[in-house]
PDB file of all heavy atoms in Angstrom:
ATOM      1  N   ILE A   1      90.388  91.922 143.971  1.00  0.00           N
ATOM      2  CA  ILE A   1      91.754  91.408 144.644  1.00  0.00           C
ATOM      3  C   ILE A   1      92.791  91.281 143.585  1.00  0.00           C
ATOM      4  O   ILE A   1      92.647  90.699 142.453  1.00  0.00           O
ATOM      5  CB  ILE A   1      91.421  90.063 145.348  1.00  0.00           C
ATOM      6  CG1 ILE A   1      90.513  90.188 146.416  1.00  0.00           C
ATOM      7  CG2 ILE A   1      92.693  89.407 145.766  1.00  0.00           C
ATOM      8  CD1 ILE A   1      89.963  88.952 147.110  1.00  0.00           C
ATOM      9  N   VAL A   2      94.027  91.805 143.997  1.00  0.00           N
ATOM     10  CA  VAL A   2      95.240  91.495 143.412  1.00  0.00           C
ATOM     11  C   VAL A   2      96.093  90.779 144.465  1.00  0.00           C
ATOM     12  O   VAL A   2      96.048  91.226 145.663  1.00  0.00           O
ATOM     13  CB  VAL A   2      96.028  92.791 142.832  1.00  0.00           C
ATOM     14  CG1 VAL A   2      97.436  92.398 142.423  1.00  0.00           C
ATOM     15  CG2 VAL A   2      95.211  93.427 141.845  1.00  0.00           C
ATOM     16  N   THR A   3      96.710  89.688 144.092  1.00  0.00           N
ATOM     17  CA  THR A   3      97.406  88.805 145.255  1.00  0.00           C
ATOM     18  C   THR A   3      98.946  88.928 145.113  1.00  0.00           C
ATOM     19  O   THR A   3      99.434  89.032 143.908  1.00  0.00           O
ATOM     20  CB  THR A   3      96.955  87.396 145.232  1.00  0.00           C
ATOM     21  OG1 THR A   3      97.455  86.767 143.959  1.00  0.00           O
ATOM     22  CG2 THR A   3      95.498  87.272 145.361  1.00  0.00           C
ATOM     23  N   ILE A   4      99.675  88.789 146.195  1.00  0.00           N
ATOM     24  CA  ILE A   4     101.122  88.589 146.280  1.00  0.00           C
ATOM     25  C   ILE A   4     101.397  87.679 147.283  1.00  0.00           C
ATOM     26  O   ILE A   4     100.820  87.664 148.419  1.00  0.00           O
ATOM     27  CB  ILE A   4     101.773  89.888 146.518  1.00  0.00           C
ATOM     28  CG1 ILE A   4     101.661  90.912 145.378  1.00  0.00           C
ATOM     29  CG2 ILE A   4     103.262  89.716 146.833  1.00  0.00           C
ATOM     30  CD1 ILE A   4     102.294  92.417 145.659  1.00  0.00           C
ATOM     31  N   LYS A   5     102.241  86.696 146.944  1.00  0.00           N
ATOM     32  CA  LYS A   5     102.783  85.738 147.928  1.00  0.00           C
ATOM     33  C   LYS A   5     104.300  85.941 148.043  1.00  0.00           C
ATOM     34  O   LYS A   5     105.005  85.990 147.148  1.00  0.00           O
ATOM     35  CB  LYS A   5     102.591  84.234 147.403  1.00  0.00           C
ATOM     36  CG  LYS A   5     102.956  83.216 148.491  1.00  0.00           C
ATOM     37  CD  LYS A   5     102.498  81.921 148.014  1.00  0.00           C
ATOM     38  CE  LYS A   5     102.898  80.830 149.074  1.00  0.00           C
ATOM     39  NZ  LYS A   5     102.160  80.879 150.318  1.00  0.00           N
ATOM     40  N   CYS A   6     104.682  86.344 149.300  1.00  0.00           N
ATOM     41  CA  CYS A   6     106.142  86.601 149.496  1.00  0.00           C
ATOM     42  C   CYS A   6     106.442  86.276 150.945  1.00  0.00           C
ATOM     43  O   CYS A   6     105.547  86.153 151.688  1.00  0.00           O
ATOM     44  CB  CYS A   6     106.357  88.028 149.235  1.00  0.00           C
ATOM     45  SG  CYS A   6     105.386  89.190 150.205  1.00  0.00           S
ATOM     46  N   PHE A   7     107.754  86.207 151.208  1.00  0.00           N
ATOM     47  CA  PHE A   7     108.095  85.882 152.604  1.00  0.00           C
ATOM     48  C   PHE A   7     109.332  86.792 152.934  1.00  0.00           C
ATOM     49  O   PHE A   7     110.368  86.672 152.391  1.00  0.00           O
ATOM     50  CB  PHE A   7     108.611  84.452 152.680  1.00  0.00           C
ATOM     51  CG  PHE A   7     108.699  84.095 154.135  1.00  0.00           C
ATOM     52  CD1 PHE A   7     107.776  83.823 155.056  1.00  0.00           C
ATOM     53  CD2 PHE A   7     110.033  83.903 154.588  1.00  0.00           C
ATOM     54  CE1 PHE A   7     108.065  83.494 156.337  1.00  0.00           C
ATOM     55  CE2 PHE A   7     110.354  83.522 155.907  1.00  0.00           C
ATOM     56  CZ  PHE A   7     109.298  83.314 156.802  1.00  0.00           C
ATOM     57  N   GLU A   8     109.035  87.761 153.815  1.00  0.00           N
ATOM     58  CA  GLU A   8     109.987  88.626 154.427  1.00  0.00           C
ATOM     59  C   GLU A   8     110.733  89.460 153.195  1.00  0.00           C
ATOM     60  O   GLU A   8     111.860  89.859 153.400  1.00  0.00           O
ATOM     61  CB  GLU A   8     111.001  87.833 155.253  1.00  0.00           C
ATOM     62  CG  GLU A   8     110.406  87.307 156.434  1.00  0.00           C
ATOM     63  CD  GLU A   8     111.298  86.579 157.346  1.00  0.00           C
ATOM     64  OE1 GLU A   8     112.580  86.516 157.125  1.00  0.00           O
ATOM     65  OE2 GLU A   8     110.742  85.954 158.390  1.00  0.00           O
ATOM     66  N   ASP A   9     110.164  89.602 152.095  1.00  0.00           N
ATOM     67  CA  ASP A   9     110.558  90.354 150.981  1.00  0.00           C
ATOM     68  C   ASP A   9     109.415  91.112 150.395  1.00  0.00           C
ATOM     69  O   ASP A   9     108.606  90.495 149.813  1.00  0.00           O
ATOM     70  CB  ASP A   9     111.276  89.447 149.984  1.00  0.00           C
ATOM     71  CG  ASP A   9     111.682  90.141 148.703  1.00  0.00           C
ATOM     72  OD1 ASP A   9     111.516  91.278 148.531  1.00  0.00           O
ATOM     73  OD2 ASP A   9     112.561  89.425 147.851  1.00  0.00           O
ATOM     74  N   ASN A  10     109.405  92.458 150.336  1.00  0.00           N
ATOM     75  CA  ASN A  10     108.279  93.184 149.810  1.00  0.00           C
ATOM     76  C   ASN A  10     108.514  93.789 148.517  1.00  0.00           C
ATOM     77  O   ASN A  10     107.839  94.807 148.064  1.00  0.00           O
ATOM     78  CB  ASN A  10     107.866  94.198 150.762  1.00  0.00           C
ATOM     79  CG  ASN A  10     108.710  95.370 151.046  1.00  0.00           C
ATOM     80  OD1 ASN A  10     109.763  95.376 150.459  1.00  0.00           O
ATOM     81  ND2 ASN A  10     108.284  96.459 151.584  1.00  0.00           N
ATOM     82  N   SER A  11     109.509  93.273 147.794  1.00  0.00           N
ATOM     83  CA  SER A  11     109.860  93.755 146.410  1.00  0.00           C
ATOM     84  C   SER A  11     108.524  93.789 145.504  1.00  0.00           C
ATOM     85  O   SER A  11     108.384  94.888 144.891  1.00  0.00           O
ATOM     86  CB  SER A  11     110.878  92.891 145.763  1.00  0.00           C
ATOM     87  OG  SER A  11     112.056  92.841 146.496  1.00  0.00           O
ATOM     88  N   LEU A  12     107.704  92.848 145.498  1.00  0.00           N
ATOM     89  CA  LEU A  12     106.591  92.812 144.631  1.00  0.00           C
ATOM     90  C   LEU A  12     105.528  93.877 145.179  1.00  0.00           C
ATOM     91  O   LEU A  12     104.771  94.593 144.487  1.00  0.00           O
ATOM     92  CB  LEU A  12     105.955  91.508 144.543  1.00  0.00           C
ATOM     93  CG  LEU A  12     106.485  90.627 143.409  1.00  0.00           C
ATOM     94  CD1 LEU A  12     105.891  89.228 143.505  1.00  0.00           C
ATOM     95  CD2 LEU A  12     106.411  91.278 142.069  1.00  0.00           C
ATOM     96  N   VAL A  13     105.343  94.010 146.498  1.00  0.00           N
ATOM     97  CA  VAL A  13     104.478  94.875 147.073  1.00  0.00           C
ATOM     98  C   VAL A  13     104.891  96.363 146.675  1.00  0.00           C
ATOM     99  O   VAL A  13     103.994  97.085 146.177  1.00  0.00           O
ATOM    100  CB  VAL A  13     104.458  94.847 148.625  1.00  0.00           C
ATOM    101  CG1 VAL A  13     103.543  95.890 149.158  1.00  0.00           C
ATOM    102  CG2 VAL A  13     104.018  93.484 149.128  1.00  0.00           C
ATOM    103  N   ALA A  14     106.232  96.686 146.710  1.00  0.00           N
ATOM    104  CA  ALA A  14     106.627  97.956 146.225  1.00  0.00           C
ATOM    105  C   ALA A  14     106.411  98.325 144.858  1.00  0.00           C
ATOM    106  O   ALA A  14     105.890  99.378 144.509  1.00  0.00           O
ATOM    107  CB  ALA A  14     108.222  98.152 146.511  1.00  0.00           C
ATOM    108  N   GLU A  15     106.540  97.262 143.915  1.00  0.00           N
ATOM    109  CA  GLU A  15     106.173  97.445 142.592  1.00  0.00           C
ATOM    110  C   GLU A  15     104.702  97.616 142.387  1.00  0.00           C
ATOM    111  O   GLU A  15     104.293  98.563 141.572  1.00  0.00           O
ATOM    112  CB  GLU A  15     106.603  96.147 141.803  1.00  0.00           C
ATOM    113  CG  GLU A  15     108.015  95.976 141.494  1.00  0.00           C
ATOM    114  CD  GLU A  15     108.384  94.678 140.880  1.00  0.00           C
ATOM    115  OE1 GLU A  15     107.483  94.128 140.155  1.00  0.00           O
ATOM    116  OE2 GLU A  15     109.539  94.154 140.967  1.00  0.00           O
ATOM    117  N   GLN A  16     103.858  96.907 142.953  1.00  0.00           N
ATOM    118  CA  GLN A  16     102.394  96.997 142.742  1.00  0.00           C
ATOM    119  C   GLN A  16     101.767  98.251 143.161  1.00  0.00           C
ATOM    120  O   GLN A  16     100.919  98.800 142.480  1.00  0.00           O
ATOM    121  CB  GLN A  16     101.648  95.666 143.392  1.00  0.00           C
ATOM    122  CG  GLN A  16     101.872  94.452 142.592  1.00  0.00           C
ATOM    123  CD  GLN A  16     101.408  94.598 141.195  1.00  0.00           C
ATOM    124  OE1 GLN A  16     100.199  94.805 140.913  1.00  0.00           O
ATOM    125  NE2 GLN A  16     102.347  94.524 140.246  1.00  0.00           N
ATOM    126  N   VAL A  17     102.219  98.689 144.386  1.00  0.00           N
ATOM    127  CA  VAL A  17     101.515  99.942 144.873  1.00  0.00           C
ATOM    128  C   VAL A  17     101.767 101.156 144.031  1.00  0.00           C
ATOM    129  O   VAL A  17     101.225 102.196 144.127  1.00  0.00           O
ATOM    130  CB  VAL A  17     101.747 100.201 146.395  1.00  0.00           C
ATOM    131  CG1 VAL A  17     101.276  99.099 147.223  1.00  0.00           C
ATOM    132  CG2 VAL A  17     103.310 100.427 146.657  1.00  0.00           C
ATOM    133  N   LYS A  18     102.940 100.993 143.133  1.00  0.00           N
ATOM    134  CA  LYS A  18     103.340 102.081 142.308  1.00  0.00           C
ATOM    135  C   LYS A  18     102.601 102.077 140.968  1.00  0.00           C
ATOM    136  O   LYS A  18     102.823 102.881 140.098  1.00  0.00           O
ATOM    137  CB  LYS A  18     104.755 102.068 142.124  1.00  0.00           C
ATOM    138  CG  LYS A  18     105.554 102.466 143.451  1.00  0.00           C
ATOM    139  CD  LYS A  18     106.989 102.224 143.306  1.00  0.00           C
ATOM    140  CE  LYS A  18     107.657 102.485 144.743  1.00  0.00           C
ATOM    141  NZ  LYS A  18     109.142 102.048 144.627  1.00  0.00           N
ATOM    142  N   THR A  19     101.639 101.006 140.845  1.00  0.00           N
ATOM    143  CA  THR A  19     100.849 100.972 139.558  1.00  0.00           C
ATOM    144  C   THR A  19      99.512 101.451 139.929  1.00  0.00           C
ATOM    145  O   THR A  19      99.047 101.671 141.102  1.00  0.00           O
ATOM    146  CB  THR A  19     100.794  99.485 139.049  1.00  0.00           C
ATOM    147  OG1 THR A  19     100.078  98.705 140.142  1.00  0.00           O
ATOM    148  CG2 THR A  19     102.158  98.892 138.874  1.00  0.00           C
ATOM    149  N   ALA A  20      98.681 101.701 138.883  1.00  0.00           N
ATOM    150  CA  ALA A  20      97.283 102.159 139.051  1.00  0.00           C
ATOM    151  C   ALA A  20      96.456 101.088 139.891  1.00  0.00           C
ATOM    152  O   ALA A  20      96.292  99.903 139.324  1.00  0.00           O
ATOM    153  CB  ALA A  20      96.705 102.451 137.731  1.00  0.00           C
ATOM    154  N   GLY A  21      95.862 101.508 141.016  1.00  0.00           N
ATOM    155  CA  GLY A  21      95.160 100.520 141.712  1.00  0.00           C
ATOM    156  C   GLY A  21      93.753 100.404 141.296  1.00  0.00           C
ATOM    157  O   GLY A  21      93.158  99.379 141.407  1.00  0.00           O
ATOM    158  N   ASN A  22      93.101 101.441 140.738  1.00  0.00           N
ATOM    159  CA  ASN A  22      91.710 101.465 140.312  1.00  0.00           C
ATOM    160  C   ASN A  22      90.812 100.948 141.284  1.00  0.00           C
ATOM    161  O   ASN A  22      89.855 100.197 140.851  1.00  0.00           O
ATOM    162  CB  ASN A  22      91.772 100.735 138.938  1.00  0.00           C
ATOM    163  CG  ASN A  22      92.541 101.332 137.828  1.00  0.00           C
ATOM    164  OD1 ASN A  22      92.601 102.476 137.666  1.00  0.00           O
ATOM    165  ND2 ASN A  22      93.382 100.420 137.232  1.00  0.00           N
ATOM    166  N   GLY A  23      91.004 101.283 142.510  1.00  0.00           N
ATOM    167  CA  GLY A  23      89.985 100.871 143.496  1.00  0.00           C
ATOM    168  C   GLY A  23      90.129  99.352 143.921  1.00  0.00           C
ATOM    169  O   GLY A  23      89.259  98.874 144.648  1.00  0.00           O
ATOM    170  N   ARG A  24      91.295  98.727 143.600  1.00  0.00           N
ATOM    171  CA  ARG A  24      91.411  97.258 143.918  1.00  0.00           C
ATOM    172  C   ARG A  24      92.072  97.225 145.291  1.00  0.00           C
ATOM    173  O   ARG A  24      92.467  98.191 145.858  1.00  0.00           O
ATOM    174  CB  ARG A  24      92.310  96.569 142.849  1.00  0.00           C
ATOM    175  CG  ARG A  24      91.665  96.599 141.598  1.00  0.00           C
ATOM    176  CD  ARG A  24      92.557  95.890 140.533  1.00  0.00           C
ATOM    177  NE  ARG A  24      93.758  96.816 140.277  1.00  0.00           N
ATOM    178  CZ  ARG A  24      94.714  96.484 139.604  1.00  0.00           C
ATOM    179  NH1 ARG A  24      94.878  95.344 138.996  1.00  0.00           N
ATOM    180  NH2 ARG A  24      95.726  97.408 139.507  1.00  0.00           N
ATOM    181  N   VAL A  25      92.080  95.977 145.803  1.00  0.00           N
ATOM    182  CA  VAL A  25      92.720  95.668 147.126  1.00  0.00           C
ATOM    183  C   VAL A  25      93.779  94.618 146.862  1.00  0.00           C
ATOM    184  O   VAL A  25      93.686  93.672 146.236  1.00  0.00           O
ATOM    185  CB  VAL A  25      91.673  95.018 148.013  1.00  0.00           C
ATOM    186  CG1 VAL A  25      92.311  94.527 149.365  1.00  0.00           C
ATOM    187  CG2 VAL A  25      90.473  96.001 148.316  1.00  0.00           C
ATOM    188  N   LEU A  26      95.072  94.979 147.418  1.00  0.00           N
ATOM    189  CA  LEU A  26      96.130  94.142 147.371  1.00  0.00           C
ATOM    190  C   LEU A  26      96.161  93.214 148.554  1.00  0.00           C
ATOM    191  O   LEU A  26      96.090  93.669 149.803  1.00  0.00           O
ATOM    192  CB  LEU A  26      97.415  94.984 147.375  1.00  0.00           C
ATOM    193  CG  LEU A  26      98.712  94.289 147.180  1.00  0.00           C
ATOM    194  CD1 LEU A  26      98.870  93.586 145.756  1.00  0.00           C
ATOM    195  CD2 LEU A  26      99.815  95.289 147.319  1.00  0.00           C
ATOM    196  N   VAL A  27      96.196  91.922 148.318  1.00  0.00           N
ATOM    197  CA  VAL A  27      96.192  90.917 149.352  1.00  0.00           C
ATOM    198  C   VAL A  27      97.537  90.282 149.415  1.00  0.00           C
ATOM    199  O   VAL A  27      97.860  89.630 148.433  1.00  0.00           O
ATOM    200  CB  VAL A  27      95.092  89.970 149.240  1.00  0.00           C
ATOM    201  CG1 VAL A  27      95.102  88.930 150.350  1.00  0.00           C
ATOM    202  CG2 VAL A  27      93.647  90.538 149.217  1.00  0.00           C
ATOM    203  N   VAL A  28      98.242  90.315 150.533  1.00  0.00           N
ATOM    204  CA  VAL A  28      99.645  89.923 150.571  1.00  0.00           C
ATOM    205  C   VAL A  28      99.762  88.790 151.532  1.00  0.00           C
ATOM    206  O   VAL A  28      99.441  88.952 152.738  1.00  0.00           O
ATOM    207  CB  VAL A  28     100.590  91.113 150.934  1.00  0.00           C
ATOM    208  CG1 VAL A  28     102.039  90.540 151.087  1.00  0.00           C
ATOM    209  CG2 VAL A  28     100.435  92.263 150.067  1.00  0.00           C
ATOM    210  N   ASP A  29     100.181  87.661 151.067  1.00  0.00           N
ATOM    211  CA  ASP A  29     100.421  86.536 151.973  1.00  0.00           C
ATOM    212  C   ASP A  29     101.858  86.441 152.340  1.00  0.00           C
ATOM    213  O   ASP A  29     102.694  85.976 151.521  1.00  0.00           O
ATOM    214  CB  ASP A  29     100.017  85.231 151.223  1.00  0.00           C
ATOM    215  CG  ASP A  29     100.260  83.919 152.039  1.00  0.00           C
ATOM    216  OD1 ASP A  29     100.816  84.055 153.121  1.00  0.00           O
ATOM    217  OD2 ASP A  29      99.794  82.861 151.618  1.00  0.00           O
ATOM    218  N   GLY A  30     102.277  86.994 153.534  1.00  0.00           N
ATOM    219  CA  GLY A  30     103.623  86.981 153.880  1.00  0.00           C
ATOM    220  C   GLY A  30     103.872  85.902 154.995  1.00  0.00           C
ATOM    221  O   GLY A  30     104.892  85.916 155.574  1.00  0.00           O
ATOM    222  N   GLY A  31     103.169  84.862 154.868  1.00  0.00           N
ATOM    223  CA  GLY A  31     103.305  83.570 155.709  1.00  0.00           C
ATOM    224  C   GLY A  31     103.015  83.874 157.222  1.00  0.00           C
ATOM    225  O   GLY A  31     103.493  83.101 158.027  1.00  0.00           O
ATOM    226  N   GLY A  32     102.525  85.089 157.521  1.00  0.00           N
ATOM    227  CA  GLY A  32     102.349  85.448 158.896  1.00  0.00           C
ATOM    228  C   GLY A  32     103.577  85.786 159.755  1.00  0.00           C
ATOM    229  O   GLY A  32     103.636  85.878 160.936  1.00  0.00           O
ATOM    230  N   SER A  33     104.685  85.952 159.009  1.00  0.00           N
ATOM    231  CA  SER A  33     105.967  86.168 159.726  1.00  0.00           C
ATOM    232  C   SER A  33     106.038  87.462 160.458  1.00  0.00           C
ATOM    233  O   SER A  33     105.755  88.566 159.845  1.00  0.00           O
ATOM    234  CB  SER A  33     107.136  86.094 158.790  1.00  0.00           C
ATOM    235  OG  SER A  33     108.409  86.539 159.377  1.00  0.00           O
ATOM    236  N   PRO A  34     106.396  87.431 161.777  1.00  0.00           N
ATOM    237  CA  PRO A  34     106.472  88.693 162.424  1.00  0.00           C
ATOM    238  C   PRO A  34     107.925  89.364 162.458  1.00  0.00           C
ATOM    239  O   PRO A  34     108.155  90.235 163.189  1.00  0.00           O
ATOM    240  CB  PRO A  34     106.100  88.193 164.007  1.00  0.00           C
ATOM    241  CG  PRO A  34     106.726  86.814 164.077  1.00  0.00           C
ATOM    242  CD  PRO A  34     106.360  86.237 162.601  1.00  0.00           C
ATOM    243  N   ARG A  35     108.841  88.733 161.700  1.00  0.00           N
ATOM    244  CA  ARG A  35     110.147  89.127 161.707  1.00  0.00           C
ATOM    245  C   ARG A  35     110.467  90.281 160.757  1.00  0.00           C
ATOM    246  O   ARG A  35     111.444  91.098 161.019  1.00  0.00           O
ATOM    247  CB  ARG A  35     111.024  87.945 161.321  1.00  0.00           C
ATOM    248  CG  ARG A  35     111.012  86.840 162.378  1.00  0.00           C
ATOM    249  CD  ARG A  35     112.057  85.805 162.025  1.00  0.00           C
ATOM    250  NE  ARG A  35     111.859  85.222 160.604  1.00  0.00           N
ATOM    251  CZ  ARG A  35     112.407  84.099 160.316  1.00  0.00           C
ATOM    252  NH1 ARG A  35     112.962  83.247 161.086  1.00  0.00           N
ATOM    253  NH2 ARG A  35     112.246  83.763 158.919  1.00  0.00           N
ATOM    254  N   ARG A  36     109.679  90.483 159.694  1.00  0.00           N
ATOM    255  CA  ARG A  36     109.952  91.589 158.792  1.00  0.00           C
ATOM    256  C   ARG A  36     108.708  92.367 158.443  1.00  0.00           C
ATOM    257  O   ARG A  36     107.600  91.642 158.236  1.00  0.00           O
ATOM    258  CB  ARG A  36     110.585  91.124 157.465  1.00  0.00           C
ATOM    259  CG  ARG A  36     111.874  90.372 157.674  1.00  0.00           C
ATOM    260  CD  ARG A  36     113.036  91.233 157.883  1.00  0.00           C
ATOM    261  NE  ARG A  36     114.278  90.598 158.104  1.00  0.00           N
ATOM    262  CZ  ARG A  36     115.427  91.187 158.063  1.00  0.00           C
ATOM    263  NH1 ARG A  36     115.557  92.460 157.958  1.00  0.00           N
ATOM    264  NH2 ARG A  36     116.594  90.497 158.344  1.00  0.00           N
ATOM    265  N   SER A  37     108.684  93.648 158.284  1.00  0.00           N
ATOM    266  CA  SER A  37     107.578  94.390 157.756  1.00  0.00           C
ATOM    267  C   SER A  37     107.457  94.200 156.311  1.00  0.00           C
ATOM    268  O   SER A  37     108.366  94.423 155.560  1.00  0.00           O
ATOM    269  CB  SER A  37     107.799  95.870 158.234  1.00  0.00           C
ATOM    270  OG  SER A  37     106.911  96.635 157.455  1.00  0.00           O
ATOM    271  N   LEU A  38     106.194  94.109 155.833  1.00  0.00           N
ATOM    272  CA  LEU A  38     105.954  94.040 154.387  1.00  0.00           C
ATOM    273  C   LEU A  38     105.307  95.330 153.802  1.00  0.00           C
ATOM    274  O   LEU A  38     105.115  95.457 152.628  1.00  0.00           O
ATOM    275  CB  LEU A  38     105.071  92.900 154.141  1.00  0.00           C
ATOM    276  CG  LEU A  38     105.626  91.531 154.350  1.00  0.00           C
ATOM    277  CD1 LEU A  38     104.539  90.409 154.129  1.00  0.00           C
ATOM    278  CD2 LEU A  38     106.923  91.280 153.533  1.00  0.00           C
TER     279      LEU A  38
END
């Protein structure tokens, strides 16, 4: 696991998916908000 905590802002998600994943899983805590796509 690699973790990201963000709210209605996927800037870190965009950065991380552009790095070597090496078979890891990105877990994103967006606070459950249905207002914005992460």
